Amino acid sequence: MMPLDEMYRDIILDHYRSPRGKKPIDAANVTAEGHNPSCGDDIKLEVEIKDNVLKDVHVDCKGCAISVASGSMLAETVKGKTFEEVSETAKVIRRMLKGEIDQPPDNIGDLGALAGVRQFPVRIKCALLAWVTLIEGLEKYAAEGREGRIVVSTEKDDEQ
């Protein structure tokens, strides 16, 4: 049987080499851009929302393997979910990466592979970039009730 850390590494490499969510979407309601100045990662997310459900998502991430893999996992995970479900998943990811959860919950699938990132504190911002960018974009969309573009940076301490 393959050791867990090796399996997780393989999952991250698979998402890095073959990122999901690359197909552009035509009916995006939200465009959010994120930047991680400590690593140089850049991400652009486009989301189509209908009836509080993320119908489709496009992820264009330029950066390290962790950032690209996390964005790919996000694309695979959030499609078809409500804003509330996505927000809850993002909170679990953040808590997992900060070490507030000892083991990845069973219900997060491949996202559990990101747990290994917490061994490298400087890479946590890389893994969180896609999630922070998406949640802030969705929160702005919900608060303003209109389509919009938001730029997010992981430089802020409260976004780690």
N, C-alpha and C. Protein backbone atom coordinates (compact mmCIF):
# COMPACT_ATOMS: atom_id res chain seq x y z
N MET A 1 0.85 -1.19 0.00
CA MET A 1 0.00 0.00 0.00
C MET A 1 0.89 1.25 0.00
N MET A 2 0.49 2.26 -0.76
CA MET A 2 1.23 3.50 -0.89
C MET A 2 1.13 4.33 0.39
N PRO A 3 2.27 4.84 0.90
CA PRO A 3 2.20 5.72 2.08
C PRO A 3 1.35 6.95 1.80
N LEU A 4 0.66 7.43 2.85
CA LEU A 4 -0.27 8.55 2.70
C LEU A 4 0.40 9.79 2.13
N ASP A 5 1.60 10.14 2.62
CA ASP A 5 2.26 11.35 2.12
C ASP A 5 2.63 11.23 0.65
N GLU A 6 2.96 10.02 0.21
CA GLU A 6 3.27 9.81 -1.21
C GLU A 6 2.00 9.92 -2.06
N MET A 7 0.89 9.39 -1.56
CA MET A 7 -0.38 9.49 -2.27
C MET A 7 -0.78 10.97 -2.40
N TYR A 8 -0.66 11.72 -1.29
CA TYR A 8 -0.99 13.14 -1.32
C TYR A 8 -0.10 13.88 -2.32
N ARG A 9 1.18 13.56 -2.33
CA ARG A 9 2.11 14.21 -3.26
C ARG A 9 1.68 13.91 -4.71
N ASP A 10 1.28 12.67 -4.97
CA ASP A 10 0.82 12.30 -6.31
C ASP A 10 -0.43 13.06 -6.71
N ILE A 11 -1.36 13.28 -5.76
CA ILE A 11 -2.59 14.03 -6.04
C ILE A 11 -2.24 15.47 -6.41
N ILE A 12 -1.36 16.09 -5.63
CA ILE A 12 -0.96 17.47 -5.91
C ILE A 12 -0.26 17.56 -7.26
N LEU A 13 0.62 16.63 -7.57
CA LEU A 13 1.31 16.65 -8.86
C LEU A 13 0.35 16.44 -10.02
N ASP A 14 -0.64 15.57 -9.84
CA ASP A 14 -1.64 15.36 -10.89
C ASP A 14 -2.42 16.64 -11.18
N HIS A 15 -2.84 17.33 -10.12
CA HIS A 15 -3.59 18.58 -10.31
C HIS A 15 -2.70 19.68 -10.89
N TYR A 16 -1.42 19.68 -10.55
CA TYR A 16 -0.48 20.66 -11.10
C TYR A 16 -0.25 20.41 -12.59
N ARG A 17 -0.04 19.16 -12.94
CA ARG A 17 0.26 18.81 -14.34
C ARG A 17 -0.97 18.88 -15.25
N SER A 18 -2.13 18.59 -14.70
CA SER A 18 -3.38 18.60 -15.48
C SER A 18 -4.44 19.39 -14.72
N PRO A 19 -4.28 20.71 -14.65
CA PRO A 19 -5.22 21.49 -13.84
C PRO A 19 -6.64 21.44 -14.40
N ARG A 20 -7.60 21.34 -13.49
CA ARG A 20 -9.02 21.35 -13.83
C ARG A 20 -9.51 22.79 -13.84
N GLY A 21 -10.62 23.02 -14.52
CA GLY A 21 -11.22 24.35 -14.54
C GLY A 21 -10.57 25.30 -15.53
N LYS A 22 -9.81 24.80 -16.45
CA LYS A 22 -9.10 25.67 -17.40
C LYS A 22 -10.00 26.20 -18.52
N LYS A 23 -11.12 25.52 -18.74
CA LYS A 23 -12.01 25.93 -19.84
C LYS A 23 -12.68 27.26 -19.49
N PRO A 24 -12.47 28.30 -20.33
CA PRO A 24 -13.14 29.59 -20.08
C PRO A 24 -14.65 29.44 -20.11
N ILE A 25 -15.33 30.30 -19.34
CA ILE A 25 -16.79 30.27 -19.32
C ILE A 25 -17.32 31.57 -19.91
N ASP A 26 -18.49 31.49 -20.50
CA ASP A 26 -19.07 32.65 -21.19
C ASP A 26 -19.93 33.54 -20.29
N ALA A 27 -20.54 32.96 -19.27
CA ALA A 27 -21.53 33.70 -18.49
C ALA A 27 -21.05 33.98 -17.06
N ALA A 28 -19.83 34.46 -16.92
CA ALA A 28 -19.29 34.71 -15.57
C ALA A 28 -19.99 35.91 -14.92
N ASN A 29 -20.45 35.73 -13.69
CA ASN A 29 -21.03 36.81 -12.89
C ASN A 29 -19.95 37.48 -12.04
N VAL A 30 -18.94 36.70 -11.66
CA VAL A 30 -17.90 37.17 -10.76
C VAL A 30 -16.55 36.90 -11.38
N THR A 31 -15.70 37.90 -11.34
CA THR A 31 -14.30 37.74 -11.71
C THR A 31 -13.48 38.20 -10.52
N ALA A 32 -12.64 37.34 -10.04
CA ALA A 32 -11.79 37.67 -8.89
C ALA A 32 -10.35 37.34 -9.24
N GLU A 33 -9.47 38.25 -8.89
CA GLU A 33 -8.05 38.06 -9.16
C GLU A 33 -7.31 38.07 -7.84
N GLY A 34 -6.37 37.14 -7.68
CA GLY A 34 -5.59 37.07 -6.46
C GLY A 34 -4.11 37.05 -6.75
N HIS A 35 -3.34 37.52 -5.78
CA HIS A 35 -1.89 37.58 -5.92
C HIS A 35 -1.25 37.21 -4.59
N ASN A 36 -0.22 36.40 -4.65
CA ASN A 36 0.57 36.03 -3.48
C ASN A 36 1.96 36.64 -3.67
N PRO A 37 2.21 37.81 -3.08
CA PRO A 37 3.48 38.48 -3.28
C PRO A 37 4.69 37.71 -2.75
N SER A 38 4.48 36.85 -1.76
CA SER A 38 5.62 36.13 -1.20
C SER A 38 6.14 35.04 -2.14
N CYS A 39 5.31 34.58 -3.06
CA CYS A 39 5.71 33.51 -3.96
C CYS A 39 5.59 33.93 -5.43
N GLY A 40 4.81 34.97 -5.69
CA GLY A 40 4.60 35.41 -7.07
C GLY A 40 3.44 34.73 -7.77
N ASP A 41 2.64 33.99 -7.04
CA ASP A 41 1.47 33.31 -7.64
C ASP A 41 0.42 34.35 -8.03
N ASP A 42 -0.20 34.12 -9.18
CA ASP A 42 -1.32 34.94 -9.64
C ASP A 42 -2.45 34.02 -10.06
N ILE A 43 -3.67 34.42 -9.72
CA ILE A 43 -4.82 33.61 -10.09
C ILE A 43 -5.96 34.52 -10.54
N LYS A 44 -6.67 34.05 -11.54
CA LYS A 44 -7.89 34.72 -11.99
C LYS A 44 -8.99 33.65 -11.99
N LEU A 45 -10.05 33.96 -11.28
CA LEU A 45 -11.20 33.07 -11.21
C LEU A 45 -12.40 33.73 -11.86
N GLU A 46 -13.13 32.99 -12.64
CA GLU A 46 -14.40 33.46 -13.18
C GLU A 46 -15.45 32.45 -12.74
N VAL A 47 -16.56 32.97 -12.24
CA VAL A 47 -17.60 32.10 -11.71
C VAL A 47 -18.94 32.49 -12.30
N GLU A 48 -19.69 31.49 -12.71
CA GLU A 48 -21.08 31.69 -13.12
C GLU A 48 -21.96 31.23 -11.97
N ILE A 49 -22.75 32.17 -11.45
CA ILE A 49 -23.65 31.87 -10.34
C ILE A 49 -25.09 31.99 -10.83
N LYS A 50 -25.89 31.01 -10.48
CA LYS A 50 -27.31 31.07 -10.81
C LYS A 50 -28.06 30.44 -9.65
N ASP A 51 -29.02 31.19 -9.10
CA ASP A 51 -29.83 30.71 -7.98
C ASP A 51 -28.96 30.24 -6.81
N ASN A 52 -27.93 31.03 -6.49
CA ASN A 52 -27.02 30.78 -5.36
C ASN A 52 -26.16 29.53 -5.53
N VAL A 53 -26.08 29.01 -6.75
CA VAL A 53 -25.28 27.82 -7.03
C VAL A 53 -24.17 28.21 -8.00
N LEU A 54 -22.96 27.73 -7.73
CA LEU A 54 -21.84 27.96 -8.63
C LEU A 54 -21.98 26.96 -9.78
N LYS A 55 -22.52 27.44 -10.88
CA LYS A 55 -22.80 26.57 -12.02
C LYS A 55 -21.51 26.17 -12.74
N ASP A 56 -20.57 27.11 -12.83
CA ASP A 56 -19.32 26.82 -13.52
C ASP A 56 -18.23 27.71 -12.97
N VAL A 57 -17.00 27.26 -13.10
CA VAL A 57 -15.86 28.04 -12.62
C VAL A 57 -14.68 27.84 -13.57
N HIS A 58 -13.99 28.93 -13.81
CA HIS A 58 -12.77 28.92 -14.63
C HIS A 58 -11.64 29.40 -13.75
N VAL A 59 -10.54 28.65 -13.75
CA VAL A 59 -9.37 28.99 -12.95
C VAL A 59 -8.17 29.14 -13.87
N ASP A 60 -7.55 30.30 -13.81
CA ASP A 60 -6.32 30.54 -14.55
C ASP A 60 -5.26 30.92 -13.53
N CYS A 61 -4.40 29.97 -13.19
CA CYS A 61 -3.40 30.18 -12.14
C CYS A 61 -2.00 30.05 -12.72
N LYS A 62 -1.18 31.03 -12.41
CA LYS A 62 0.22 31.02 -12.78
C LYS A 62 1.01 31.04 -11.47
N GLY A 63 1.78 30.01 -11.23
CA GLY A 63 2.53 29.99 -10.00
C GLY A 63 3.10 28.64 -9.68
N CYS A 64 3.39 28.44 -8.41
CA CYS A 64 4.02 27.21 -7.94
C CYS A 64 3.04 26.03 -8.02
N ALA A 65 3.57 24.84 -7.85
CA ALA A 65 2.77 23.62 -7.94
C ALA A 65 1.64 23.61 -6.91
N ILE A 66 1.90 24.09 -5.70
CA ILE A 66 0.88 24.09 -4.65
C ILE A 66 -0.28 25.00 -5.03
N SER A 67 0.03 26.18 -5.51
CA SER A 67 -1.00 27.15 -5.87
C SER A 67 -1.85 26.64 -7.04
N VAL A 68 -1.20 26.13 -8.06
CA VAL A 68 -1.91 25.61 -9.23
C VAL A 68 -2.77 24.41 -8.83
N ALA A 69 -2.21 23.50 -8.04
CA ALA A 69 -2.95 22.31 -7.62
C ALA A 69 -4.16 22.69 -6.76
N SER A 70 -3.98 23.64 -5.86
CA SER A 70 -5.09 24.07 -5.00
C SER A 70 -6.21 24.70 -5.85
N GLY A 71 -5.84 25.52 -6.83
CA GLY A 71 -6.84 26.10 -7.74
C GLY A 71 -7.57 25.04 -8.53
N SER A 72 -6.85 24.02 -8.97
CA SER A 72 -7.45 22.92 -9.71
C SER A 72 -8.43 22.14 -8.83
N MET A 73 -8.02 21.88 -7.59
CA MET A 73 -8.90 21.17 -6.66
C MET A 73 -10.14 21.99 -6.35
N LEU A 74 -9.95 23.30 -6.23
CA LEU A 74 -11.09 24.20 -6.02
C LEU A 74 -12.08 24.06 -7.17
N ALA A 75 -11.57 24.11 -8.41
CA ALA A 75 -12.45 24.02 -9.58
C ALA A 75 -13.25 22.73 -9.57
N GLU A 76 -12.60 21.65 -9.20
CA GLU A 76 -13.27 20.36 -9.16
C GLU A 76 -14.31 20.28 -8.04
N THR A 77 -14.03 20.95 -6.95
CA THR A 77 -14.85 20.84 -5.74
C THR A 77 -16.09 21.73 -5.75
N VAL A 78 -15.97 22.97 -6.21
CA VAL A 78 -17.04 23.94 -5.99
C VAL A 78 -18.15 23.92 -7.03
N LYS A 79 -17.89 23.39 -8.18
CA LYS A 79 -18.90 23.38 -9.23
C LYS A 79 -20.14 22.63 -8.77
N GLY A 80 -21.30 23.32 -8.86
CA GLY A 80 -22.57 22.72 -8.47
C GLY A 80 -22.93 22.90 -7.01
N LYS A 81 -22.08 23.58 -6.26
CA LYS A 81 -22.35 23.80 -4.83
C LYS A 81 -22.88 25.20 -4.59
N THR A 82 -23.55 25.36 -3.47
CA THR A 82 -24.07 26.68 -3.08
C THR A 82 -22.94 27.52 -2.50
N PHE A 83 -23.17 28.82 -2.42
CA PHE A 83 -22.21 29.72 -1.81
C PHE A 83 -21.90 29.27 -0.38
N GLU A 84 -22.91 28.87 0.36
CA GLU A 84 -22.73 28.46 1.74
C GLU A 84 -21.86 27.20 1.84
N GLU A 85 -22.10 26.23 0.96
CA GLU A 85 -21.28 25.01 0.95
C GLU A 85 -19.82 25.32 0.62
N VAL A 86 -19.61 26.20 -0.34
CA VAL A 86 -18.26 26.58 -0.74
C VAL A 86 -17.56 27.32 0.40
N SER A 87 -18.28 28.22 1.04
CA SER A 87 -17.72 28.97 2.15
C SER A 87 -17.32 28.04 3.29
N GLU A 88 -18.15 27.06 3.58
CA GLU A 88 -17.84 26.10 4.64
C GLU A 88 -16.61 25.27 4.28
N THR A 89 -16.51 24.83 3.04
CA THR A 89 -15.34 24.08 2.60
C THR A 89 -14.08 24.92 2.73
N ALA A 90 -14.15 26.19 2.33
CA ALA A 90 -13.00 27.08 2.44
C ALA A 90 -12.55 27.24 3.90
N LYS A 91 -13.51 27.31 4.81
CA LYS A 91 -13.17 27.41 6.23
C LYS A 91 -12.45 26.15 6.72
N VAL A 92 -12.90 25.00 6.27
CA VAL A 92 -12.27 23.74 6.65
C VAL A 92 -10.84 23.70 6.10
N ILE A 93 -10.66 24.11 4.87
CA ILE A 93 -9.32 24.13 4.25
C ILE A 93 -8.40 25.04 5.06
N ARG A 94 -8.87 26.23 5.39
CA ARG A 94 -8.07 27.18 6.16
C ARG A 94 -7.69 26.58 7.52
N ARG A 95 -8.66 26.00 8.22
CA ARG A 95 -8.38 25.41 9.53
C ARG A 95 -7.40 24.24 9.42
N MET A 96 -7.54 23.45 8.37
CA MET A 96 -6.65 22.31 8.15
C MET A 96 -5.22 22.80 7.91
N LEU A 97 -5.07 23.81 7.08
CA LEU A 97 -3.75 24.32 6.76
C LEU A 97 -3.08 25.02 7.94
N LYS A 98 -3.89 25.60 8.80
CA LYS A 98 -3.33 26.27 9.99
C LYS A 98 -3.09 25.29 11.13
N GLY A 99 -3.39 24.02 10.94
CA GLY A 99 -3.14 23.02 11.96
C GLY A 99 -4.20 22.97 13.04
N GLU A 100 -5.34 23.60 12.82
CA GLU A 100 -6.43 23.59 13.79
C GLU A 100 -7.23 22.29 13.73
N ILE A 101 -7.02 21.52 12.68
CA ILE A 101 -7.65 20.20 12.50
C ILE A 101 -6.49 19.22 12.34
N ASP A 102 -6.45 18.17 13.15
CA ASP A 102 -5.34 17.22 13.10
C ASP A 102 -5.33 16.41 11.81
N GLN A 103 -6.46 15.88 11.44
CA GLN A 103 -6.57 15.05 10.24
C GLN A 103 -7.58 15.67 9.28
N PRO A 104 -7.32 15.58 7.98
CA PRO A 104 -8.31 16.08 7.03
C PRO A 104 -9.64 15.34 7.19
N PRO A 105 -10.75 16.08 7.20
CA PRO A 105 -12.05 15.41 7.28
C PRO A 105 -12.26 14.47 6.09
N ASP A 106 -12.97 13.38 6.32
CA ASP A 106 -13.21 12.39 5.27
C ASP A 106 -14.00 12.96 4.08
N ASN A 107 -14.83 13.97 4.35
CA ASN A 107 -15.75 14.46 3.32
C ASN A 107 -15.12 15.47 2.36
N ILE A 108 -13.80 15.70 2.42
CA ILE A 108 -13.22 16.69 1.51
C ILE A 108 -12.42 16.08 0.36
N GLY A 109 -12.38 14.76 0.28
CA GLY A 109 -11.75 14.09 -0.85
C GLY A 109 -10.30 14.48 -1.07
N ASP A 110 -9.96 14.77 -2.34
CA ASP A 110 -8.59 15.11 -2.71
C ASP A 110 -8.06 16.34 -1.99
N LEU A 111 -8.95 17.21 -1.51
CA LEU A 111 -8.50 18.40 -0.80
C LEU A 111 -7.67 18.05 0.44
N GLY A 112 -7.84 16.86 0.96
CA GLY A 112 -7.04 16.41 2.09
C GLY A 112 -5.55 16.38 1.78
N ALA A 113 -5.21 16.27 0.50
CA ALA A 113 -3.80 16.28 0.10
C ALA A 113 -3.12 17.59 0.47
N LEU A 114 -3.88 18.65 0.61
CA LEU A 114 -3.30 19.95 0.97
C LEU A 114 -2.84 19.99 2.43
N ALA A 115 -3.25 19.03 3.24
CA ALA A 115 -2.85 19.01 4.65
C ALA A 115 -1.34 18.97 4.81
N GLY A 116 -0.65 18.31 3.90
CA GLY A 116 0.80 18.22 3.97
C GLY A 116 1.50 19.57 3.82
N VAL A 117 0.81 20.54 3.26
CA VAL A 117 1.39 21.86 3.04
C VAL A 117 1.72 22.53 4.36
N ARG A 118 0.98 22.22 5.40
CA ARG A 118 1.22 22.89 6.69
C ARG A 118 2.60 22.58 7.25
N GLN A 119 3.28 21.56 6.72
CA GLN A 119 4.66 21.28 7.12
C GLN A 119 5.62 22.35 6.59
N PHE A 120 5.14 23.15 5.65
CA PHE A 120 5.94 24.20 5.03
C PHE A 120 5.18 25.51 5.16
N PRO A 121 5.27 26.17 6.32
CA PRO A 121 4.45 27.35 6.60
C PRO A 121 4.50 28.43 5.52
N VAL A 122 5.61 28.59 4.85
CA VAL A 122 5.71 29.61 3.82
C VAL A 122 4.82 29.28 2.62
N ARG A 123 4.41 28.02 2.47
CA ARG A 123 3.58 27.59 1.33
C ARG A 123 2.08 27.64 1.62
N ILE A 124 1.71 27.90 2.87
CA ILE A 124 0.29 27.93 3.22
C ILE A 124 -0.45 28.99 2.40
N LYS A 125 0.16 30.16 2.22
CA LYS A 125 -0.48 31.21 1.42
C LYS A 125 -0.69 30.74 -0.02
N CYS A 126 0.22 29.92 -0.52
CA CYS A 126 0.09 29.38 -1.87
C CYS A 126 -1.17 28.51 -1.98
N ALA A 127 -1.36 27.66 -0.98
CA ALA A 127 -2.51 26.75 -0.98
C ALA A 127 -3.82 27.49 -0.75
N LEU A 128 -3.77 28.60 -0.01
CA LEU A 128 -4.99 29.34 0.31
C LEU A 128 -5.39 30.36 -0.76
N LEU A 129 -4.49 30.73 -1.63
CA LEU A 129 -4.75 31.81 -2.58
C LEU A 129 -6.06 31.63 -3.35
N ALA A 130 -6.27 30.49 -3.95
CA ALA A 130 -7.49 30.27 -4.74
C ALA A 130 -8.73 30.39 -3.87
N TRP A 131 -8.68 29.85 -2.66
CA TRP A 131 -9.84 29.85 -1.76
C TRP A 131 -10.16 31.24 -1.26
N VAL A 132 -9.14 31.99 -0.85
CA VAL A 132 -9.33 33.36 -0.39
C VAL A 132 -9.89 34.22 -1.52
N THR A 133 -9.33 34.06 -2.70
CA THR A 133 -9.77 34.84 -3.86
C THR A 133 -11.23 34.54 -4.19
N LEU A 134 -11.59 33.27 -4.21
CA LEU A 134 -12.97 32.89 -4.52
C LEU A 134 -13.94 33.43 -3.48
N ILE A 135 -13.66 33.20 -2.21
CA ILE A 135 -14.58 33.62 -1.15
C ILE A 135 -14.75 35.13 -1.13
N GLU A 136 -13.66 35.88 -1.26
CA GLU A 136 -13.80 37.33 -1.26
C GLU A 136 -14.58 37.81 -2.48
N GLY A 137 -14.38 37.19 -3.63
CA GLY A 137 -15.15 37.54 -4.81
C GLY A 137 -16.63 37.25 -4.63
N LEU A 138 -16.94 36.10 -4.06
CA LEU A 138 -18.34 35.73 -3.82
C LEU A 138 -18.99 36.62 -2.77
N GLU A 139 -18.23 36.96 -1.73
CA GLU A 139 -18.78 37.84 -0.69
C GLU A 139 -19.08 39.23 -1.25
N LYS A 140 -18.20 39.73 -2.09
CA LYS A 140 -18.45 41.03 -2.71
C LYS A 140 -19.68 40.95 -3.61
N TYR A 141 -19.78 39.90 -4.37
CA TYR A 141 -20.93 39.70 -5.25
C TYR A 141 -22.23 39.66 -4.43
N ALA A 142 -22.21 38.91 -3.32
CA ALA A 142 -23.41 38.80 -2.47
C ALA A 142 -23.75 40.12 -1.81
N ALA A 143 -22.75 40.84 -1.36
CA ALA A 143 -22.99 42.11 -0.65
C ALA A 143 -23.50 43.19 -1.59
N GLU A 144 -22.96 43.23 -2.78
CA GLU A 144 -23.32 44.29 -3.72
C GLU A 144 -24.44 43.89 -4.66
N GLY A 145 -24.71 42.58 -4.71
CA GLY A 145 -25.80 42.11 -5.55
C GLY A 145 -25.63 42.40 -7.03
N ARG A 146 -24.39 42.47 -7.45
CA ARG A 146 -24.15 42.74 -8.87
C ARG A 146 -22.86 42.06 -9.29
N GLU A 147 -22.70 41.99 -10.60
CA GLU A 147 -21.46 41.44 -11.14
C GLU A 147 -20.32 42.37 -10.78
N GLY A 148 -19.15 41.79 -10.63
CA GLY A 148 -18.03 42.66 -10.31
C GLY A 148 -16.71 41.97 -10.41
N ARG A 149 -15.67 42.76 -10.27
CA ARG A 149 -14.30 42.28 -10.30
C ARG A 149 -13.66 42.69 -8.99
N ILE A 150 -12.94 41.78 -8.40
CA ILE A 150 -12.26 42.07 -7.14
C ILE A 150 -10.83 41.57 -7.25
N VAL A 151 -9.91 42.31 -6.64
CA VAL A 151 -8.51 41.91 -6.60
C VAL A 151 -8.17 41.61 -5.14
N VAL A 152 -7.58 40.45 -4.90
CA VAL A 152 -7.28 39.95 -3.57
C VAL A 152 -5.78 39.71 -3.45
N SER A 153 -5.21 39.94 -2.28
CA SER A 153 -3.81 39.64 -2.03
C SER A 153 -3.71 38.83 -0.75
N THR A 154 -2.83 37.86 -0.72
CA THR A 154 -2.60 37.09 0.49
C THR A 154 -1.61 37.79 1.41
N GLU A 155 -1.23 38.99 1.08
CA GLU A 155 -0.29 39.75 1.90
C GLU A 155 -0.88 40.08 3.27
N LYS A 156 -2.19 40.28 3.34
CA LYS A 156 -2.84 40.61 4.60
C LYS A 156 -2.77 39.44 5.55
N ASP A 157 -2.44 39.70 6.81
CA ASP A 157 -2.31 38.64 7.81
C ASP A 157 -3.62 37.92 8.07
N ASP A 158 -4.74 38.64 8.01
CA ASP A 158 -6.02 38.03 8.32
C ASP A 158 -6.49 37.06 7.25
N GLU A 159 -5.81 37.02 6.12
CA GLU A 159 -6.21 36.11 5.04
C GLU A 159 -5.38 34.84 5.02
N GLN A 160 -4.45 34.69 5.91
CA GLN A 160 -3.64 33.48 5.92
C GLN A 160 -4.45 32.28 6.29
